[in-house]
Amino acid sequence: MIRFAALGDSVTSGYGDPMPGGGRRGWAALLADALPPDTDFHNLAVSGARIGDVAERQLPAALDLRPHLASVLVGMNDTLRGDFDPGVLGRSLTHMVAALSATGATVLTARLPDPGRMFGLPGVIARPLGRRMNALNDILDGIAETHDTIHVDLAGAAYARTNWSVDRLHPSERGHRLLAHRFAGALREAGHPVRHLPGLAATNPEPSLGERVWWMATKGNRWLLRRSTDLLPTLARLAARECLTTLSTVRHAPDSPASVARTETPARTRPRSRSAA
């Protein structure tokens, strides 16, 4: 029997992959279905969780299970918050992966997609968010190398519109299937028992335009309001800082109009002193 513990946020908990009879499925459940039939699957992920939340609440529960397989997929929420600190987050992620690995578990990790590109945000906001995600992905790459995790790049092929639900934050069914397919392939390549690779085609009816609009008008807006007290000021600060940096760079660039003007304006002639006459 394989015990599989999935740790993370709303993506791992299954948001974006609703089932016709109610409830959510998600990539981790799809992956569990591709493993041997006696796999014991525990989804510990919670919507809105940040790295610190996973370390504090989900990790102890996962360690109690003594899993053979564990996934740690978290960090997107942290890049959107005002207290983002790569050093602190890196230490927490390292602790989680090290603790799970020490029990003998095979750990699944991933490079995460850039939220700026996912949301289609203006460059003045997308660029600083991209730098945050690059910093986090560099940390994840280092952890994967140090602890020999099954590490998958989810950023490379994640940006197709059909892979994301209407909120552009959670994968659609196709997106969840892509995640499960990537992890199953990586596990099989590493010699782990995988019965089949999860299919990439959606099998549940895709939401209509009216259903997508209704979701955004109700649940999507509630999500934004819950996070706006920190998210919107953070995005505003990032945008303002990016604008100031851009203006400073342009002002001091060798070929900028301001620099050219300073260079080409003749220096005022200094009058000679009377003693030199």
Protein backbone atom coordinates (compact mmCIF):
# COMPACT_ATOMS: atom_id res chain seq x y z
CA MET A 1 0.00 0.00 0.00
CA ILE A 2 1.17 3.53 -0.86
CA ARG A 3 0.19 6.37 1.49
CA PHE A 4 0.05 9.62 -0.45
CA ALA A 5 -0.26 12.95 1.43
CA ALA A 6 -0.90 16.10 -0.61
CA LEU A 7 0.05 19.42 1.03
CA GLY A 8 -0.70 22.86 -0.39
CA ASP A 9 -3.30 25.50 -1.16
CA SER A 10 -6.49 25.74 -3.21
CA VAL A 11 -4.84 24.31 -6.34
CA THR A 12 -4.09 21.00 -4.60
CA SER A 13 -7.44 21.02 -2.79
CA GLY A 14 -9.10 20.87 -6.23
CA TYR A 15 -10.43 24.34 -6.96
CA GLY A 16 -11.22 24.69 -10.65
CA ASP A 17 -12.10 21.00 -11.06
CA PRO A 18 -15.70 20.71 -9.81
CA MET A 19 -17.49 17.39 -10.07
CA PRO A 20 -21.04 17.15 -11.50
CA GLY A 21 -22.38 15.62 -8.29
CA GLY A 22 -20.77 18.26 -6.10
CA GLY A 23 -17.36 18.60 -4.49
CA ARG A 24 -13.98 19.00 -6.12
CA ARG A 25 -11.39 16.55 -7.43
CA GLY A 26 -8.10 18.17 -8.54
CA TRP A 27 -4.72 17.04 -9.81
CA ALA A 28 -3.65 15.18 -6.66
CA ALA A 29 -6.76 12.96 -6.72
CA LEU A 30 -6.21 12.31 -10.43
CA LEU A 31 -2.62 11.31 -9.69
CA ALA A 32 -3.72 9.05 -6.83
CA ASP A 33 -6.07 7.26 -9.26
CA ALA A 34 -3.09 6.56 -11.53
CA LEU A 35 -1.12 4.87 -8.73
CA PRO A 36 -1.63 1.25 -7.55
CA PRO A 37 -5.24 0.45 -6.53
CA ASP A 38 -4.44 0.19 -2.83
CA THR A 39 -3.08 3.76 -2.63
CA ASP A 40 -4.25 5.52 0.54
CA PHE A 41 -4.75 9.16 -0.47
CA HIS A 42 -4.96 12.04 2.04
CA ASN A 43 -5.55 15.55 0.71
CA LEU A 44 -4.46 17.96 3.45
CA ALA A 45 -4.45 21.09 1.27
CA VAL A 46 -6.52 24.12 2.30
CA SER A 47 -7.69 27.03 0.17
CA GLY A 48 -5.75 30.23 0.80
CA ALA A 49 -2.87 28.45 2.55
CA ARG A 50 0.54 30.06 2.48
CA ILE A 51 3.89 28.41 3.03
CA GLY A 52 3.83 29.15 6.76
CA ASP A 53 0.32 27.71 7.08
CA VAL A 54 1.38 24.47 5.42
CA ALA A 55 4.44 24.17 7.65
CA GLU A 56 2.46 24.87 10.82
CA ARG A 57 -0.74 22.90 10.23
CA GLN A 58 -0.45 20.48 7.34
CA LEU A 59 3.10 19.20 7.85
CA PRO A 60 2.48 17.70 11.34
CA ALA A 61 -0.60 15.87 10.02
CA ALA A 62 1.39 14.56 7.06
CA LEU A 63 4.26 13.36 9.27
CA ASP A 64 1.78 11.48 11.46
CA LEU A 65 0.66 9.56 8.36
CA ARG A 66 4.26 8.54 7.58
CA PRO A 67 3.54 8.75 3.85
CA HIS A 68 5.46 6.96 1.13
CA LEU A 69 4.65 9.83 -1.25
CA ALA A 70 4.06 13.50 -0.40
CA SER A 71 3.51 16.58 -2.53
CA VAL A 72 4.38 20.14 -1.48
CA LEU A 73 2.83 22.58 -3.92
CA VAL A 74 2.50 26.03 -2.36
CA GLY A 75 3.85 29.58 -2.69
CA MET A 76 1.63 31.39 -5.18
CA ASN A 77 -0.34 33.11 -2.41
CA ASP A 78 2.91 34.27 -0.79
CA THR A 79 4.06 36.09 -3.94
CA LEU A 80 0.88 38.19 -3.82
CA ARG A 81 1.28 39.40 -0.25
CA GLY A 82 2.99 42.41 1.26
CA ASP A 83 5.29 40.48 3.60
CA PHE A 84 6.93 38.39 0.85
CA ASP A 85 10.41 37.37 2.06
CA PRO A 86 12.29 34.79 -0.04
CA GLY A 87 14.72 33.98 2.78
CA VAL A 88 12.02 33.18 5.33
CA LEU A 89 9.93 31.25 2.80
CA GLY A 90 12.95 29.30 1.60
CA ARG A 91 13.82 28.16 5.11
CA SER A 92 10.24 27.04 5.71
CA LEU A 93 10.04 25.12 2.44
CA THR A 94 13.41 23.50 3.08
CA HIS A 95 12.27 22.40 6.53
CA MET A 96 9.08 20.85 5.15
CA VAL A 97 10.77 18.90 2.38
CA ALA A 98 13.62 17.78 4.66
CA ALA A 99 11.18 16.58 7.34
CA LEU A 100 9.12 14.58 4.84
CA SER A 101 12.22 13.15 3.16
CA ALA A 102 13.62 12.10 6.55
CA THR A 103 10.64 9.76 7.03
CA GLY A 104 11.52 8.01 3.77
CA ALA A 105 8.84 9.73 1.68
CA THR A 106 9.36 10.58 -1.96
CA VAL A 107 8.50 14.28 -2.23
CA LEU A 108 6.91 15.98 -5.23
CA THR A 109 7.81 19.63 -5.85
CA ALA A 110 7.37 21.96 -8.80
CA ARG A 111 8.37 25.21 -10.43
CA LEU A 112 5.29 27.44 -10.29
CA PRO A 113 3.82 29.62 -13.05
CA ASP A 114 4.12 33.41 -13.02
CA PRO A 115 0.91 35.00 -11.63
CA GLY A 116 1.47 38.15 -13.67
CA ARG A 117 1.29 36.18 -16.91
CA MET A 118 -1.63 34.09 -15.65
CA PHE A 119 -3.71 37.17 -14.81
CA GLY A 120 -2.59 39.10 -17.90
CA LEU A 121 -1.58 42.02 -15.68
CA PRO A 122 0.03 45.22 -17.00
CA GLY A 123 3.81 45.08 -17.19
CA VAL A 124 4.28 47.55 -14.35
CA ILE A 125 2.73 44.94 -12.00
CA ALA A 126 3.62 41.76 -13.90
CA ARG A 127 7.38 42.43 -13.86
CA PRO A 128 7.83 42.68 -10.07
CA LEU A 129 5.51 39.69 -9.56
CA GLY A 130 7.61 37.79 -12.07
CA ARG A 131 10.78 38.61 -10.14
CA ARG A 132 9.16 37.32 -6.95
CA MET A 133 8.15 34.08 -8.64
CA ASN A 134 11.62 33.68 -10.14
CA ALA A 135 13.12 34.03 -6.67
CA LEU A 136 10.73 31.42 -5.28
CA ASN A 137 11.36 29.03 -8.16
CA ASP A 138 15.12 29.37 -7.69
CA ILE A 139 14.60 28.28 -4.07
CA LEU A 140 12.43 25.34 -5.15
CA ASP A 141 15.04 24.27 -7.71
CA GLY A 142 17.72 24.28 -5.03
CA ILE A 143 15.57 22.29 -2.61
CA ALA A 144 14.80 19.74 -5.33
CA GLU A 145 18.48 19.27 -6.07
CA THR A 146 19.49 19.00 -2.42
CA HIS A 147 16.73 16.60 -1.36
CA ASP A 148 16.34 14.72 -4.66
CA THR A 149 12.62 15.42 -5.05
CA ILE A 150 10.48 14.57 -8.07
CA HIS A 151 10.59 18.09 -9.49
CA VAL A 152 8.34 19.19 -12.35
CA ASP A 153 8.32 22.45 -14.29
CA LEU A 154 4.68 23.53 -14.30
CA ALA A 155 5.47 26.99 -15.66
CA GLY A 156 6.54 25.98 -19.15
CA ALA A 157 3.23 24.78 -20.58
CA ALA A 158 0.82 26.21 -18.02
CA TYR A 159 -0.21 29.43 -19.73
CA ALA A 160 -2.64 28.10 -22.36
CA ARG A 161 -6.05 29.67 -21.71
CA THR A 162 -7.82 26.29 -21.65
CA ASN A 163 -5.66 25.19 -18.71
CA TRP A 164 -7.14 27.83 -16.38
CA SER A 165 -10.55 28.40 -14.90
CA VAL A 166 -12.42 31.67 -15.29
CA ASP A 167 -10.62 33.32 -12.35
CA ARG A 168 -7.20 32.79 -14.01
CA LEU A 169 -5.93 31.66 -10.62
CA HIS A 170 -6.94 28.00 -10.41
CA PRO A 171 -6.44 25.33 -13.07
CA SER A 172 -9.42 24.15 -15.06
CA GLU A 173 -10.07 20.42 -15.33
CA ARG A 174 -7.62 20.38 -18.26
CA GLY A 175 -5.06 22.20 -16.12
CA HIS A 176 -5.46 19.77 -13.24
CA ARG A 177 -5.10 16.89 -15.67
CA LEU A 178 -1.91 18.44 -17.04
CA LEU A 179 -0.45 18.65 -13.54
CA ALA A 180 -1.39 15.05 -12.75
CA HIS A 181 -0.01 13.88 -16.11
CA ARG A 182 3.33 15.65 -15.53
CA PHE A 183 3.78 14.24 -12.04
CA ALA A 184 2.74 10.73 -13.08
CA GLY A 185 5.22 10.79 -15.95
CA ALA A 186 8.02 12.00 -13.69
CA LEU A 187 7.22 9.31 -11.10
CA ARG A 188 7.19 6.58 -13.75
CA GLU A 189 10.48 7.83 -15.19
CA ALA A 190 12.00 7.64 -11.69
CA GLY A 191 10.91 4.00 -11.35
CA HIS A 192 7.81 4.42 -9.18
CA PRO A 193 4.74 2.26 -9.86
CA VAL A 194 2.28 4.18 -12.06
CA ARG A 195 -0.57 2.24 -13.67
CA HIS A 196 -1.34 4.83 -16.34
CA LEU A 197 -0.78 8.46 -17.22
CA PRO A 198 -3.88 10.57 -16.49
CA GLY A 199 -5.62 11.67 -19.67
CA LEU A 200 -5.31 15.29 -20.76
CA ALA A 201 -8.81 15.73 -22.21
CA ALA A 202 -11.61 17.07 -20.01
CA THR A 203 -14.33 14.55 -19.25
CA ASN A 204 -16.76 16.72 -17.28
CA PRO A 205 -18.96 19.33 -19.00
CA GLU A 206 -17.12 22.64 -19.22
CA PRO A 207 -18.95 25.58 -17.60
CA SER A 208 -20.97 27.78 -19.92
CA LEU A 209 -20.29 31.49 -20.36
CA GLY A 210 -23.22 32.29 -18.09
CA GLU A 211 -21.90 29.93 -15.39
CA ARG A 212 -18.43 31.48 -15.60
CA VAL A 213 -19.84 35.00 -15.31
CA TRP A 214 -22.01 33.96 -12.35
CA TRP A 215 -19.03 32.35 -10.61
CA MET A 216 -16.95 35.51 -10.96
CA ALA A 217 -19.84 37.71 -9.82
CA THR A 218 -20.32 35.66 -6.66
CA LYS A 219 -17.44 33.47 -5.52
CA GLY A 220 -14.71 35.21 -7.53
CA ASN A 221 -15.55 38.66 -6.17
CA ARG A 222 -15.74 37.29 -2.61
CA TRP A 223 -12.23 35.88 -3.03
CA LEU A 224 -10.98 39.29 -4.18
CA LEU A 225 -12.69 41.13 -1.33
CA ARG A 226 -11.23 38.77 1.28
CA ARG A 227 -7.72 39.41 0.04
CA SER A 228 -7.99 43.02 -1.13
CA THR A 229 -6.95 44.47 2.25
CA ASP A 230 -3.44 43.14 1.57
CA LEU A 231 -3.35 42.17 -2.11
CA LEU A 232 -4.43 45.45 -3.69
CA PRO A 233 -2.12 47.68 -1.58
CA THR A 234 0.73 45.27 -2.33
CA LEU A 235 0.10 45.45 -6.08
CA ALA A 236 -0.13 49.25 -5.85
CA ARG A 237 3.21 49.45 -4.03
CA LEU A 238 4.84 47.11 -6.54
CA ALA A 239 3.51 49.19 -9.43
CA ALA A 240 4.67 52.47 -7.88
CA ARG A 241 8.13 51.06 -7.14
CA GLU A 242 8.39 49.70 -10.69
CA CYS A 243 7.43 53.08 -12.15
CA LEU A 244 10.04 54.88 -10.04
CA THR A 245 12.70 52.36 -11.03
CA THR A 246 11.81 52.72 -14.71
CA LEU A 247 11.86 56.52 -14.54
CA SER A 248 15.21 56.49 -12.76
CA THR A 249 16.67 54.12 -15.33
CA VAL A 250 15.44 56.24 -18.24
CA ARG A 251 16.67 59.44 -16.61
CA HIS A 252 20.20 58.09 -16.16
CA ALA A 253 20.47 56.11 -19.39
CA PRO A 254 23.33 57.37 -21.65
CA ASP A 255 20.99 57.98 -24.60
CA SER A 256 18.00 59.33 -22.67
CA PRO A 257 16.84 62.87 -23.59
CA ALA A 258 17.74 64.13 -20.11
CA SER A 259 21.26 62.72 -20.28
CA VAL A 260 21.77 63.98 -23.82
CA ALA A 261 20.60 67.43 -22.79
CA ARG A 262 23.03 67.47 -19.87
CA THR A 263 25.85 66.32 -22.13
CA GLU A 264 25.17 68.65 -25.03
CA THR A 265 24.39 71.84 -23.06
CA PRO A 266 27.55 73.94 -23.22
CA ALA A 267 29.05 74.79 -19.88
CA ARG A 268 28.60 78.39 -18.81
CA THR A 269 31.83 80.36 -19.42
CA ARG A 270 33.46 81.29 -16.17
CA PRO A 271 34.51 84.98 -16.10
CA ARG A 272 38.20 85.63 -15.77
CA SER A 273 39.39 87.21 -12.53
CA ARG A 274 40.72 90.74 -12.59
CA SER A 275 44.20 89.57 -11.58
CA ALA A 276 44.44 87.57 -14.77
CA ALA A 277 43.59 90.54 -16.99
